[in-house]
Amino acid sequence: MIKPVILWTDALVFLLVGIVVVFAFYARRHEHLRAPWREVVRGRIAVASLVVLAFYTLTGLLDSVHYRKALPMQDGQVEVQYGGEVFSLLDALLGDVGSQVEKTYSAPFAYTLYTRETVVDENGVQKRIFPRLKYGGAHLDDPATQRGADIAARSLAALWQALAFMLVLTLLLSLWLAGRWRLSPARALRRLLRGDSDVPWRTALFTIFLFALLAALIVNLASAWHVLGTDKVGKDVLYQTLKSVRTGLVIGTLTTLIMLPFAVTLGMMAGYFRGWVDDVIQYLYTTLNSIPGVLLIAASVLMMQVYMDTHPELFETMAERADLRLLFLCLILGITSWTGLCRLLRGETLKLRELDYVQAANAFGVARRVILVRHLLPNLMHLVLIAVVIDFSGLVLAEAVLSYVGVGVDPTTMSWGNMINRARLEMAREPMVWWSLLAAFSFMFTLVLAANLFSDAVRDAFDPRLRR
C-alpha cells in the first residue's frame, strides 16, 4: 500500500506539461504556428536534440510522481502508518540501486573499495587489502576473472533488448507513415530506411536507439555493478546522477516560466508606450541589476531557511522541506533574471513600433492591447524563444555555482551542483576520485548542448527575417 505525495514542484511540472500539450493541439489547428515547427523538425540536429530533451524530460517526469510506502502492521494496529521516506516511479524502475550503499568510495565496475584497509586474518596477522564490496560484483565467486565476461554478457543482453525495442518501434512507425503517405507498409518501411522524407526519421530512430541502449545497459548492469562507482558515503553515483535530472529541469523550466511574464510584459510596455512608463520600467530593472545577484539570492534563501527551521511542524517529510527550498530558489532566480530579456525586448519594440503596419494600426484606431498581442508579440517570439532556451541552459549551470557557495538547493536534494560541490574535495585527495565530477559534467553537458542546438533551430524557424 502506498500514499501519493504531491510536492509543489510536482504540481507545477505537470501543470507545465499540460500547458505544452494544450499549446500543441492549438498549434495544430493554426497554420501560422504549424509552419515554423514543421521547419524545426526538418533539421537532423534539431530532431536529434529534441529526442535527447524528450528522454531527459521523461526521466524528470518519472521522478516527479512521488509516494510513501506503508509500514508493516503491528499487532493491534488499526490505522496504516506510512514511512517518512518519499520515493518516486524512477526509484521503482531502478529497483534496489538507490539502497545498495557501500562503505565508502569504489571505482566504476569495481568489486573492491577504492582504498586499502587494515584487516586481521584468521591467523591474527594484520594486512592492508582492498576489501570486497557488499553489492558490487557480489554475485560472482571470483570477480577478478569473471568480471569481464559478466559485464560483456549483460551488455550483449542489453544490446539485444535495445534492438528488439527498435525493431518494434520501426515497424509501428512504418505502419503509421504508410497511412499518412498512402503506401503499403513495406514501401513505407523502405522509404523510411532510405531517409526519403521531409522529417529525418532515421536520425530520430538512431538517437532513440542510443538512449534505449543506455537504458537497457543501466537496467542490466546497475543491479549487479556500480556502473559509475560510489561516493564518500558509499551511495551509487549513477543513481544520484539520474535523480539530479529532475532538479536541473525544475530549476531551468520553472525559473524561466516565472521570469517570462515580467520580461515580456514590461519590455513590450516600455518600448511601445515610452514616456513615463519607459522611465519607471528602466528604473526598476536598473535598480534590480545594481544589486549583486548572488548576494540577493543568498539573503533570500537564508531567510527562507530560517523560516523553515522555526516552523518544522509544517513539513511531514524531509522531501517536502527540500522541495519548498527548491521552489523558493526558482522564485528568486526568476525574479532576478528577467532584466536582460526585458531590456532586449524593449529595444526591439522601440524599432517595431515605427514600422508601417504598426503605424497603420494606430491610425485606424486599433486598441493598444490588440497591437501589442497581434502585431508586436509575434515578431518578438523568436527573441523570447532563443532567450528562454539560453536562460534555461544558464540556470542549469548556475545551480552548480549556487550550490558551491552553499545557497543552492537543499543538501539533501540530489543535484548536479551538489555532486560537483562534493567532487571538488574528492579531486584533491590521493588517490583522486574523478567519477562523480565526470558523471555530473557529462549529463549536464549533454542537456545544455541539446538545449542550445534545439534553440538555434527554433530561432531560425521563428525569426520572420530568416523565414523563407
Protein backbone atom coordinates (compact mmCIF):
# COMPACT_ATOMS: atom_id res chain seq x y z
CA MET A 1 0.00 0.00 0.00
CA ILE A 2 1.28 3.45 -0.89
CA LYS A 3 0.27 7.04 -0.17
CA PRO A 4 0.58 9.55 -3.04
CA VAL A 5 2.67 12.63 -2.26
CA ILE A 6 2.20 15.77 -4.34
CA LEU A 7 5.01 18.27 -3.89
CA TRP A 8 4.75 21.87 -5.02
CA THR A 9 7.24 21.38 -7.81
CA ASP A 10 5.46 18.19 -8.92
CA ALA A 11 2.20 20.10 -9.39
CA LEU A 12 3.93 22.90 -11.30
CA VAL A 13 5.84 20.48 -13.52
CA PHE A 14 2.70 18.63 -14.56
CA LEU A 15 0.88 21.94 -14.99
CA LEU A 16 3.64 22.95 -17.40
CA VAL A 17 3.27 19.65 -19.27
CA GLY A 18 -0.45 20.28 -19.56
CA ILE A 19 0.16 23.76 -20.96
CA VAL A 20 2.58 22.36 -23.55
CA VAL A 21 0.06 19.70 -24.61
CA VAL A 22 -2.73 22.27 -24.93
CA PHE A 23 -0.46 24.54 -26.97
CA ALA A 24 0.46 21.63 -29.25
CA PHE A 25 -3.21 20.93 -30.02
CA TYR A 26 -3.80 24.65 -30.53
CA ALA A 27 -0.84 24.98 -32.88
CA ARG A 28 -2.03 22.04 -34.99
CA ARG A 29 -5.15 23.99 -35.93
CA HIS A 30 -3.33 27.17 -36.95
CA GLU A 31 -1.07 27.08 -39.97
CA HIS A 32 0.95 30.14 -38.94
CA LEU A 33 2.08 28.18 -35.87
CA ARG A 34 2.43 24.80 -37.59
CA ALA A 35 4.69 26.10 -40.35
CA PRO A 36 7.63 27.18 -38.11
CA TRP A 37 7.54 23.94 -36.10
CA ARG A 38 7.42 21.99 -39.36
CA GLU A 39 10.67 23.72 -40.30
CA VAL A 40 12.18 22.84 -36.93
CA VAL A 41 11.63 19.08 -37.28
CA ARG A 42 13.13 19.02 -40.77
CA GLY A 43 16.64 19.51 -39.42
CA ARG A 44 18.68 16.50 -38.34
CA ILE A 45 20.42 18.28 -35.49
CA ALA A 46 17.13 19.69 -34.24
CA VAL A 47 15.43 16.27 -34.30
CA ALA A 48 18.33 14.59 -32.50
CA SER A 49 18.36 17.36 -29.88
CA LEU A 50 14.59 17.05 -29.46
CA VAL A 51 14.91 13.31 -28.78
CA VAL A 52 17.62 13.98 -26.17
CA LEU A 53 15.45 16.60 -24.45
CA ALA A 54 12.48 14.21 -24.57
CA PHE A 55 14.41 11.49 -22.73
CA TYR A 56 15.61 13.95 -20.10
CA THR A 57 12.03 15.17 -19.70
CA LEU A 58 10.72 11.61 -19.38
CA THR A 59 13.29 10.93 -16.64
CA GLY A 60 12.25 14.10 -14.82
CA LEU A 61 8.55 13.24 -15.06
CA LEU A 62 9.11 9.73 -13.73
CA ASP A 63 10.95 11.27 -10.80
CA SER A 64 8.08 13.72 -10.20
CA VAL A 65 5.49 11.07 -9.29
CA HIS A 66 6.09 10.60 -5.56
CA TYR A 67 4.65 8.30 -2.93
CA ARG A 68 5.31 6.92 0.56
CA LYS A 69 5.33 3.24 1.41
CA ALA A 70 3.19 1.79 4.18
CA LEU A 71 4.99 0.47 7.26
CA PRO A 72 4.43 -3.14 8.37
CA MET A 73 1.33 -3.55 10.51
CA GLN A 74 1.95 -4.28 14.18
CA ASP A 75 -0.21 -6.39 16.50
CA GLY A 76 -3.32 -4.46 17.47
CA GLN A 77 -2.63 -1.67 14.99
CA VAL A 78 -5.72 -0.37 13.19
CA GLU A 79 -4.57 2.67 11.25
CA VAL A 80 -1.98 2.30 8.48
CA GLN A 81 1.24 4.21 9.10
CA TYR A 82 3.49 5.39 6.30
CA GLY A 83 7.24 5.76 6.25
CA GLY A 84 8.94 9.14 6.25
CA GLU A 85 10.98 8.46 3.10
CA VAL A 86 9.48 9.63 -0.19
CA PHE A 87 10.00 7.51 -3.31
CA SER A 88 9.23 8.08 -6.99
CA LEU A 89 8.43 6.00 -10.06
CA LEU A 90 12.06 6.36 -11.11
CA ASP A 91 13.11 4.71 -7.85
CA ALA A 92 10.73 1.84 -8.56
CA LEU A 93 12.16 1.37 -12.08
CA LEU A 94 15.76 1.46 -10.82
CA GLY A 95 14.98 -1.17 -8.18
CA ASP A 96 17.49 -1.53 -5.36
CA VAL A 97 20.15 0.69 -6.92
CA GLY A 98 19.44 3.55 -4.53
CA SER A 99 19.52 1.33 -1.44
CA GLN A 100 22.74 -0.54 -2.30
CA VAL A 101 25.10 1.52 -0.15
CA GLU A 102 28.74 0.56 0.24
CA LYS A 103 31.16 1.59 2.96
CA THR A 104 32.92 4.33 1.00
CA TYR A 105 34.46 5.05 -2.41
CA SER A 106 34.57 2.45 -5.15
CA ALA A 107 35.58 2.94 -8.78
CA PRO A 108 33.26 2.25 -11.74
CA PHE A 109 32.68 -1.51 -12.21
CA ALA A 110 34.91 -2.26 -9.22
CA TYR A 111 34.42 -5.17 -6.84
CA THR A 112 36.64 -3.77 -4.06
CA LEU A 113 36.84 -0.49 -2.19
CA TYR A 114 39.00 2.26 -3.67
CA THR A 115 41.35 2.48 -0.68
CA ARG A 116 43.13 -0.11 1.39
CA GLU A 117 42.04 -1.04 4.90
CA THR A 118 43.79 -2.85 7.69
CA VAL A 119 42.22 -6.22 8.47
CA VAL A 120 43.23 -9.14 10.69
CA ASP A 121 43.19 -12.58 9.06
CA GLU A 122 42.38 -15.89 10.74
CA ASN A 123 46.00 -16.19 11.92
CA GLY A 124 45.92 -12.83 13.70
CA VAL A 125 48.16 -11.13 11.12
CA GLN A 126 47.33 -7.58 10.08
CA LYS A 127 47.14 -6.95 6.34
CA ARG A 128 46.47 -3.94 4.14
CA ILE A 129 43.99 -5.05 1.49
CA PHE A 130 41.17 -3.73 -0.71
CA PRO A 131 38.01 -5.15 0.93
CA ARG A 132 35.27 -6.67 -1.23
CA LEU A 133 32.18 -4.59 -1.87
CA LYS A 134 28.90 -5.55 -0.31
CA TYR A 135 26.90 -5.27 -3.55
CA GLY A 136 29.20 -4.54 -6.49
CA GLY A 137 30.20 -7.86 -8.06
CA ALA A 138 28.86 -9.77 -5.05
CA HIS A 139 27.11 -12.27 -7.33
CA LEU A 140 30.47 -13.56 -8.63
CA ASP A 141 32.66 -16.09 -6.85
CA ASP A 142 35.88 -14.83 -8.43
CA PRO A 143 35.32 -11.28 -9.75
CA ALA A 144 38.95 -10.92 -10.80
CA THR A 145 38.50 -13.48 -13.58
CA GLN A 146 34.74 -13.37 -14.12
CA ARG A 147 34.13 -9.60 -14.21
CA GLY A 148 34.89 -9.06 -17.90
CA ALA A 149 32.71 -11.95 -19.07
CA ASP A 150 29.83 -10.91 -16.80
CA ILE A 151 29.88 -7.30 -18.00
CA ALA A 152 30.10 -8.44 -21.63
CA ALA A 153 27.18 -10.86 -21.23
CA ARG A 154 24.99 -8.22 -19.57
CA SER A 155 25.95 -5.63 -22.21
CA LEU A 156 25.12 -8.08 -25.00
CA ALA A 157 21.74 -8.76 -23.42
CA ALA A 158 21.12 -5.00 -23.25
CA LEU A 159 22.06 -4.67 -26.93
CA TRP A 160 19.57 -7.36 -27.96
CA GLN A 161 16.84 -5.73 -25.84
CA ALA A 162 17.51 -2.34 -27.44
CA LEU A 163 17.49 -3.87 -30.94
CA ALA A 164 14.21 -5.68 -30.24
CA PHE A 165 12.66 -2.45 -28.98
CA MET A 166 13.84 -0.53 -32.04
CA LEU A 167 12.53 -3.24 -34.37
CA VAL A 168 9.05 -2.96 -32.87
CA LEU A 169 9.23 0.85 -32.88
CA THR A 170 10.36 0.95 -36.53
CA LEU A 171 7.55 -1.36 -37.62
CA LEU A 172 4.94 0.68 -35.77
CA LEU A 173 6.34 3.91 -37.25
CA SER A 174 6.29 2.45 -40.77
CA LEU A 175 2.63 1.40 -40.32
CA TRP A 176 1.74 4.92 -39.18
CA LEU A 177 3.65 6.53 -42.05
CA ALA A 178 2.05 4.11 -44.53
CA GLY A 179 -1.33 5.55 -43.61
CA ARG A 180 -0.09 9.13 -43.98
CA TRP A 181 1.79 8.51 -47.23
CA ARG A 182 -0.92 6.19 -48.60
CA LEU A 183 1.60 3.45 -49.34
CA SER A 184 1.90 -0.19 -48.40
CA PRO A 185 3.75 -0.84 -45.10
CA ALA A 186 6.65 -2.48 -46.99
CA ARG A 187 7.13 0.53 -49.29
CA ALA A 188 6.79 2.91 -46.35
CA LEU A 189 9.44 0.95 -44.46
CA ARG A 190 11.84 1.10 -47.43
CA ARG A 191 11.25 4.81 -47.81
CA LEU A 192 11.81 5.29 -44.08
CA LEU A 193 15.11 3.39 -44.11
CA ARG A 194 16.31 5.31 -47.19
CA GLY A 195 15.62 8.59 -45.43
CA ASP A 196 13.31 9.73 -48.25
CA SER A 197 11.08 12.04 -46.22
CA ASP A 198 10.93 15.65 -45.07
CA VAL A 199 11.34 14.65 -41.43
CA PRO A 200 14.69 12.90 -40.72
CA TRP A 201 13.13 9.80 -39.18
CA ARG A 202 16.38 7.84 -39.48
CA THR A 203 18.18 10.37 -37.30
CA ALA A 204 15.38 10.23 -34.74
CA LEU A 205 15.40 6.42 -34.70
CA PHE A 206 19.18 6.27 -34.32
CA THR A 207 19.10 8.73 -31.40
CA ILE A 208 16.28 6.78 -29.77
CA PHE A 209 18.31 3.60 -30.21
CA LEU A 210 21.27 5.13 -28.38
CA PHE A 211 19.09 6.10 -25.42
CA ALA A 212 17.26 2.77 -25.48
CA LEU A 213 20.64 1.02 -25.36
CA LEU A 214 21.72 3.28 -22.49
CA ALA A 215 18.52 2.50 -20.56
CA ALA A 216 18.96 -1.24 -21.18
CA LEU A 217 22.58 -1.08 -20.02
CA ILE A 218 21.53 0.69 -16.83
CA VAL A 219 18.83 -1.90 -16.13
CA ASN A 220 21.14 -4.86 -16.78
CA LEU A 221 24.34 -3.57 -15.22
CA ALA A 222 23.26 -1.30 -12.34
CA SER A 223 21.62 -4.18 -10.47
CA ALA A 224 24.95 -6.02 -10.20
CA TRP A 225 27.63 -3.32 -10.52
CA HIS A 226 28.19 0.27 -9.54
CA VAL A 227 28.43 1.50 -13.13
CA LEU A 228 29.75 4.95 -12.18
CA GLY A 229 31.22 3.99 -8.83
CA THR A 230 30.20 5.22 -5.38
CA ASP A 231 30.82 8.42 -3.42
CA LYS A 232 32.34 9.05 0.01
CA VAL A 233 29.39 7.57 1.92
CA GLY A 234 29.04 4.64 -0.49
CA LYS A 235 26.00 5.82 -2.48
CA ASP A 236 25.75 4.87 -6.14
CA VAL A 237 26.87 7.77 -8.37
CA LEU A 238 24.71 6.68 -11.32
CA TYR A 239 21.62 6.77 -9.11
CA GLN A 240 22.49 10.28 -7.89
CA THR A 241 23.11 11.48 -11.44
CA LEU A 242 19.75 10.21 -12.71
CA LYS A 243 17.94 11.68 -9.70
CA SER A 244 19.62 15.02 -10.40
CA VAL A 245 17.94 15.28 -13.80
CA ARG A 246 14.67 16.39 -12.22
CA THR A 247 16.38 19.11 -10.19
CA GLY A 248 18.04 20.54 -13.28
CA LEU A 249 14.82 20.50 -15.28
CA VAL A 250 12.79 22.06 -12.44
CA ILE A 251 15.25 24.92 -11.98
CA GLY A 252 15.52 25.53 -15.73
CA THR A 253 11.82 25.39 -16.60
CA LEU A 254 10.06 26.82 -13.54
CA THR A 255 12.50 29.71 -13.23
CA THR A 256 12.02 30.53 -16.90
CA LEU A 257 8.24 30.48 -16.53
CA ILE A 258 8.45 32.84 -13.55
CA MET A 259 10.74 35.19 -15.44
CA LEU A 260 8.82 35.32 -18.75
CA PRO A 261 5.71 37.32 -17.69
CA PHE A 262 7.89 40.06 -16.15
CA ALA A 263 10.26 40.27 -19.11
CA VAL A 264 7.72 40.12 -21.94
CA THR A 265 5.08 42.38 -20.43
CA LEU A 266 7.38 45.08 -19.08
CA GLY A 267 9.71 45.00 -22.10
CA MET A 268 6.87 45.50 -24.59
CA MET A 269 5.22 48.19 -22.46
CA ALA A 270 8.46 50.14 -22.08
CA GLY A 271 9.20 50.06 -25.81
CA TYR A 272 5.68 50.79 -27.04
CA PHE A 273 4.32 53.36 -24.58
CA ARG A 274 7.66 55.15 -23.92
CA GLY A 275 7.40 58.28 -21.79
CA TRP A 276 6.95 57.87 -18.05
CA VAL A 277 6.12 54.16 -18.44
CA ASP A 278 9.51 53.56 -20.04
CA ASP A 279 11.23 55.62 -17.32
CA VAL A 280 9.61 53.65 -14.48
CA ILE A 281 10.41 50.26 -16.02
CA GLN A 282 14.01 51.28 -16.78
CA TYR A 283 14.44 52.50 -13.22
CA LEU A 284 13.04 49.21 -11.93
CA TYR A 285 15.35 46.87 -13.84
CA THR A 286 18.36 49.18 -13.49
CA THR A 287 17.92 49.17 -9.71
CA LEU A 288 17.49 45.39 -9.66
CA ASN A 289 20.61 44.95 -11.80
CA SER A 290 22.59 47.09 -9.36
CA ILE A 291 22.10 44.53 -6.59
CA PRO A 292 24.65 41.67 -6.75
CA GLY A 293 22.59 38.66 -7.79
CA VAL A 294 24.42 36.12 -5.67
CA LEU A 295 24.04 38.24 -2.53
CA LEU A 296 20.32 38.77 -3.15
CA ILE A 297 19.79 35.05 -3.75
CA ALA A 298 21.87 34.16 -0.69
CA ALA A 299 19.93 36.55 1.56
CA SER A 300 16.57 35.29 0.29
CA VAL A 301 17.45 31.60 0.59
CA LEU A 302 18.87 32.07 4.09
CA MET A 303 15.72 33.90 5.18
CA MET A 304 13.65 31.01 3.82
CA GLN A 305 15.91 28.56 5.63
CA VAL A 306 15.37 30.38 8.93
CA TYR A 307 11.61 30.26 8.40
CA MET A 308 11.69 26.50 7.74
CA ASP A 309 13.90 25.91 10.80
CA THR A 310 11.48 27.78 13.05
CA HIS A 311 8.37 26.05 11.65
CA PRO A 312 9.27 22.34 11.41
CA GLU A 313 5.65 21.35 12.06
CA LEU A 314 4.73 22.44 8.50
CA PHE A 315 6.61 19.55 6.92
CA GLU A 316 5.75 15.88 7.30
CA THR A 317 8.86 14.65 5.49
CA MET A 318 12.32 15.92 4.62
CA ALA A 319 11.35 15.78 0.94
CA GLU A 320 8.65 18.42 1.46
CA ARG A 321 11.12 20.66 3.26
CA ALA A 322 13.73 20.31 0.48
CA ASP A 323 11.07 20.82 -2.19
CA LEU A 324 9.94 24.13 -0.69
CA ARG A 325 13.51 25.40 -0.71
CA LEU A 326 13.85 24.31 -4.35
CA LEU A 327 10.63 26.14 -5.27
CA PHE A 328 11.74 29.28 -3.42
CA LEU A 329 15.10 29.17 -5.20
CA CYS A 330 13.29 29.03 -8.56
CA LEU A 331 11.16 32.01 -7.50
CA ILE A 332 14.16 34.11 -6.50
CA LEU A 333 16.09 33.20 -9.66
CA GLY A 334 13.05 34.11 -11.77
CA ILE A 335 12.60 37.49 -10.10
CA THR A 336 16.29 38.38 -10.53
CA SER A 337 16.86 37.10 -14.09
CA TRP A 338 14.18 38.85 -16.18
CA THR A 339 16.03 42.13 -16.64
CA GLY A 340 18.25 41.08 -19.56
CA LEU A 341 15.38 39.83 -21.73
CA CYS A 342 13.28 42.85 -20.74
CA ARG A 343 15.98 45.24 -21.97
CA LEU A 344 16.31 43.28 -25.22
CA LEU A 345 12.56 43.28 -25.89
CA ARG A 346 12.34 46.99 -25.08
CA GLY A 347 14.91 47.84 -27.73
CA GLU A 348 13.26 45.62 -30.35
CA THR A 349 9.82 47.05 -29.57
CA LEU A 350 11.14 50.60 -29.99
CA LYS A 351 12.14 49.63 -33.54
CA LEU A 352 8.98 47.67 -34.39
CA ARG A 353 6.58 50.42 -33.24
CA GLU A 354 7.89 52.70 -36.01
CA LEU A 355 7.14 50.22 -38.81
CA ASP A 356 4.35 50.96 -41.29
CA TYR A 357 1.94 48.21 -40.25
CA VAL A 358 2.03 49.32 -36.59
CA GLN A 359 1.58 52.96 -37.55
CA ALA A 360 -1.34 51.97 -39.78
CA ALA A 361 -2.95 50.06 -36.92
CA ASN A 362 -2.62 53.13 -34.72
CA ALA A 363 -4.11 55.34 -37.43
CA PHE A 364 -7.15 53.05 -37.77
CA GLY A 365 -7.76 53.21 -34.03
CA VAL A 366 -6.88 49.62 -33.20
CA ALA A 367 -6.72 49.06 -29.44
CA ARG A 368 -3.24 49.17 -27.96
CA ARG A 369 -3.75 45.77 -26.33
CA VAL A 370 -4.51 44.27 -29.74
CA ILE A 371 -1.45 45.90 -31.29
CA LEU A 372 0.78 44.51 -28.54
CA VAL A 373 -0.63 40.98 -28.78
CA ARG A 374 -1.37 40.61 -32.50
CA HIS A 375 1.34 42.74 -34.15
CA LEU A 376 4.30 43.11 -31.81
CA LEU A 377 4.39 39.88 -29.81
CA PRO A 378 4.59 37.50 -32.84
CA ASN A 379 7.58 39.45 -34.14
CA LEU A 380 9.28 39.21 -30.76
CA MET A 381 8.70 35.49 -30.23
CA HIS A 382 11.96 34.46 -31.90
CA LEU A 383 13.85 36.58 -29.34
CA VAL A 384 11.75 35.17 -26.50
CA LEU A 385 12.30 31.56 -27.56
CA ILE A 386 16.05 31.84 -28.03
CA ALA A 387 16.40 33.74 -24.73
CA VAL A 388 14.28 31.15 -22.91
CA VAL A 389 16.46 28.24 -24.01
CA ILE A 390 19.69 30.11 -23.38
CA ASP A 391 18.46 31.12 -19.92
CA PHE A 392 17.42 27.51 -19.32
CA SER A 393 20.99 26.40 -20.04
CA GLY A 394 22.42 29.16 -17.88
CA LEU A 395 20.14 28.33 -14.97
CA VAL A 396 21.10 24.66 -15.06
CA LEU A 397 24.73 25.73 -14.86
CA ALA A 398 24.03 28.43 -12.25
CA GLU A 399 22.64 25.82 -9.86
CA ALA A 400 26.13 24.32 -9.65
CA VAL A 401 27.63 27.70 -8.73
CA LEU A 402 24.97 28.44 -6.11
CA SER A 403 25.38 25.01 -4.53
CA TYR A 404 29.13 25.61 -4.42
CA VAL A 405 28.67 28.72 -2.24
CA GLY A 406 26.04 26.99 -0.10
CA VAL A 407 22.91 28.86 -1.21
CA GLY A 408 21.62 26.42 -3.81
CA VAL A 409 19.23 23.56 -3.33
CA ASP A 410 18.93 21.73 -0.03
CA PRO A 411 21.95 19.49 0.74
CA THR A 412 19.59 16.51 0.90
CA THR A 413 18.39 17.18 -2.67
CA MET A 414 20.28 15.28 -5.33
CA SER A 415 21.55 17.72 -7.93
CA TRP A 416 24.50 18.10 -10.27
CA GLY A 417 25.55 21.18 -8.32
CA ASN A 418 25.79 19.27 -5.05
CA MET A 419 27.71 16.49 -6.82
CA ILE A 420 30.20 18.97 -8.26
CA ASN A 421 30.50 20.72 -4.90
CA ARG A 422 31.45 17.45 -3.22
CA ALA A 423 33.72 16.47 -6.10
CA ARG A 424 36.00 19.49 -5.63
CA LEU A 425 37.26 17.92 -2.41
CA GLU A 426 37.46 14.46 -3.94
CA MET A 427 39.68 15.71 -6.77
CA ALA A 428 42.27 16.91 -4.26
CA ARG A 429 42.63 13.61 -2.42
CA GLU A 430 45.07 10.81 -3.19
CA PRO A 431 44.15 8.66 -4.99
CA MET A 432 41.93 11.06 -6.90
CA VAL A 433 38.18 10.32 -7.14
CA TRP A 434 37.16 11.54 -10.60
CA TRP A 435 33.95 9.70 -11.48
CA SER A 436 31.48 11.89 -9.56
CA LEU A 437 32.63 15.02 -11.36
CA LEU A 438 32.72 13.25 -14.72
CA ALA A 439 29.20 11.86 -14.30
CA ALA A 440 27.66 15.21 -13.30
CA PHE A 441 29.56 17.04 -16.04
CA SER A 442 28.59 14.55 -18.77
CA PHE A 443 24.86 14.59 -18.01
CA MET A 444 24.79 18.37 -17.57
CA PHE A 445 26.83 18.94 -20.74
CA THR A 446 24.50 16.72 -22.81
CA LEU A 447 21.39 18.51 -21.57
CA VAL A 448 22.77 22.01 -22.11
CA LEU A 449 24.22 21.16 -25.55
CA ALA A 450 20.92 19.66 -26.74
CA ALA A 451 19.00 22.69 -25.46
CA ASN A 452 21.32 25.13 -27.23
CA LEU A 453 21.25 23.23 -30.54
CA PHE A 454 17.48 22.99 -30.42
CA SER A 455 17.20 26.70 -29.61
CA ASP A 456 19.22 27.56 -32.74
CA ALA A 457 16.77 25.60 -34.89
CA VAL A 458 13.78 27.24 -33.19
CA ARG A 459 15.29 30.69 -33.64
CA ASP A 460 15.91 30.14 -37.36
CA ALA A 461 12.36 28.83 -37.88
CA PHE A 462 10.54 31.55 -35.93
CA ASP A 463 12.58 34.61 -36.93
CA PRO A 464 10.48 36.40 -39.59
CA ARG A 465 13.63 37.85 -41.15
CA LEU A 466 15.10 34.37 -41.73
CA ARG A 467 11.89 32.65 -42.80
CA ARG A 468 11.75 31.85 -46.49
